[in-house]
């Protein structure tokens, strides 16, 4: 149980640090995104051991569906807005998804050295 509490403390401190940085530096990025970006850097650099946050992360992921309840309530409350604005919203979602897929594909391609490990034979 102590491990989970320690994990939540680390996650909360990361979020708090990101929020403080956002306010102090005036960065137009949400504080929680900055904080968890810093957490990712700390995890990759070995500053924070993954085992320190694994219990809290697993608990959050196990109950992830509960975190979507406010989104569902928002959709129900603004159903008229969604009914009238479905085309621009759908277009934005499709375009941003396509851009994300292309950028991630290029990133993975550059990470793998410009080619796949499994070359497709050409005829």
Protein backbone atom coordinates (compact mmCIF):
# COMPACT_ATOMS: atom_id res chain seq x y z
CA UNK A 1 0.00 0.00 0.00
CA UNK A 2 2.87 2.35 0.78
CA UNK A 3 4.26 1.84 -2.74
CA UNK A 4 0.98 3.00 -4.28
CA UNK A 5 0.90 6.09 -2.06
CA UNK A 6 4.51 6.87 -2.96
CA UNK A 7 3.60 6.51 -6.63
CA UNK A 8 0.64 8.87 -6.29
CA UNK A 9 2.89 11.35 -4.48
CA UNK A 10 5.42 11.25 -7.33
CA UNK A 11 2.69 11.62 -9.96
CA UNK A 12 1.12 14.51 -8.03
CA UNK A 13 4.47 16.24 -7.58
CA UNK A 14 5.16 15.90 -11.31
CA UNK A 15 1.82 17.49 -12.10
CA UNK A 16 2.41 20.26 -9.54
CA UNK A 17 5.88 20.96 -10.92
CA UNK A 18 4.46 21.24 -14.42
CA UNK A 19 1.76 23.63 -13.25
CA UNK A 20 4.30 25.80 -11.42
CA UNK A 21 6.54 25.88 -14.51
CA UNK A 22 3.59 26.84 -16.71
CA UNK A 23 2.62 29.72 -14.45
CA UNK A 24 6.15 30.99 -13.80
CA UNK A 25 7.39 30.73 -17.38
CA UNK A 26 4.07 31.55 -19.05
CA UNK A 27 4.29 28.53 -21.33
CA UNK A 28 1.05 27.96 -23.31
CA UNK A 29 1.03 24.22 -22.54
CA UNK A 30 -1.16 22.68 -19.83
CA UNK A 31 0.71 22.13 -16.58
CA UNK A 32 -0.16 18.46 -16.36
CA UNK A 33 1.31 17.87 -19.82
CA UNK A 34 4.52 19.67 -18.84
CA UNK A 35 4.70 17.79 -15.56
CA UNK A 36 4.25 14.38 -17.06
CA UNK A 37 6.68 15.25 -19.83
CA UNK A 38 9.21 16.00 -17.11
CA UNK A 39 8.23 12.75 -15.39
CA UNK A 40 8.88 10.84 -18.62
CA UNK A 41 12.31 12.47 -18.92
CA UNK A 42 13.08 11.59 -15.29
CA UNK A 43 11.99 7.99 -15.87
CA UNK A 44 14.06 7.62 -19.06
CA UNK A 45 17.08 9.25 -17.41
CA UNK A 46 16.84 6.89 -14.45
CA UNK A 47 16.28 9.72 -11.95
CA UNK A 48 13.01 8.06 -10.90
CA UNK A 49 12.73 4.29 -10.84
CA UNK A 50 9.77 2.93 -12.79
CA UNK A 51 8.91 0.66 -9.87
CA UNK A 52 8.22 3.77 -7.76
CA UNK A 53 5.22 4.75 -9.92
CA UNK A 54 4.17 1.35 -11.31
CA UNK A 55 1.62 0.59 -8.58
CA UNK A 56 -0.14 3.93 -8.87
CA UNK A 57 -0.07 3.79 -12.67
CA UNK A 58 -1.60 0.30 -12.65
CA UNK A 59 -4.32 1.41 -10.26
CA UNK A 60 -5.17 4.39 -12.45
CA UNK A 61 -5.21 2.27 -15.61
CA UNK A 62 -7.39 -0.36 -13.95
CA UNK A 63 -10.01 2.31 -13.22
CA UNK A 64 -9.55 4.35 -16.39
CA UNK A 65 -13.20 4.06 -17.45
CA UNK A 66 -14.25 6.03 -14.36
CA UNK A 67 -12.12 8.93 -15.53
CA UNK A 68 -14.21 9.21 -18.71
CA UNK A 69 -17.47 9.84 -16.82
CA UNK A 70 -17.08 13.67 -16.91
CA UNK A 71 -16.54 13.53 -20.68
CA UNK A 72 -19.71 11.50 -21.15
CA UNK A 73 -21.68 13.92 -18.97
CA UNK A 74 -20.31 16.82 -21.04
CA UNK A 75 -21.40 15.18 -24.27
CA UNK A 76 -24.90 14.65 -22.89
CA UNK A 77 -25.12 18.26 -21.66
CA UNK A 78 -23.92 19.71 -24.98
CA UNK A 79 -25.67 17.28 -27.32
CA UNK A 80 -27.24 20.14 -29.32
CA UNK A 81 -23.80 21.64 -29.94
CA UNK A 82 -22.49 18.28 -31.10
CA UNK A 83 -25.55 17.80 -33.29
CA UNK A 84 -24.94 21.08 -35.13
CA UNK A 85 -21.13 20.97 -35.21
CA UNK A 86 -20.53 17.31 -36.06
CA UNK A 87 -18.94 17.97 -39.47
CA UNK A 88 -16.19 20.39 -38.34
CA UNK A 89 -15.48 18.25 -35.28
CA UNK A 90 -15.29 15.03 -37.28
CA UNK A 91 -13.08 16.70 -39.87
CA UNK A 92 -10.72 18.01 -37.20
CA UNK A 93 -10.51 14.59 -35.55
CA UNK A 94 -9.79 12.80 -38.83
CA UNK A 95 -7.17 15.33 -39.98
CA UNK A 96 -5.40 15.43 -36.62
CA UNK A 97 -5.42 11.61 -36.43
CA UNK A 98 -3.91 11.35 -39.92
CA UNK A 99 -1.22 13.90 -39.05
CA UNK A 100 -0.42 12.04 -35.83
CA UNK A 101 -0.15 8.70 -37.63
CA UNK A 102 2.19 10.15 -40.26
CA UNK A 103 4.40 11.88 -37.70
CA UNK A 104 4.62 8.81 -35.46
CA UNK A 105 5.41 6.68 -38.50
CA UNK A 106 8.21 9.02 -39.53
CA UNK A 107 9.53 9.11 -35.97
CA UNK A 108 9.60 5.33 -35.73
CA UNK A 109 11.19 5.12 -39.18
CA UNK A 110 13.96 7.52 -38.16
CA UNK A 111 14.40 5.66 -34.86
CA UNK A 112 14.84 2.38 -36.73
CA UNK A 113 17.53 3.95 -38.90
CA UNK A 114 15.48 4.81 -41.95
CA UNK A 115 14.37 1.31 -42.75
CA UNK A 116 12.42 -1.55 -41.40
CA UNK A 117 14.04 -4.55 -39.80
CA UNK A 118 11.87 -6.70 -42.05
CA UNK A 119 12.45 -5.63 -45.60
CA UNK A 120 9.68 -6.42 -48.05
CA UNK A 121 11.05 -8.37 -51.02
CA UNK A 122 10.62 -6.55 -54.31
CA UNK A 123 9.75 -8.30 -57.53
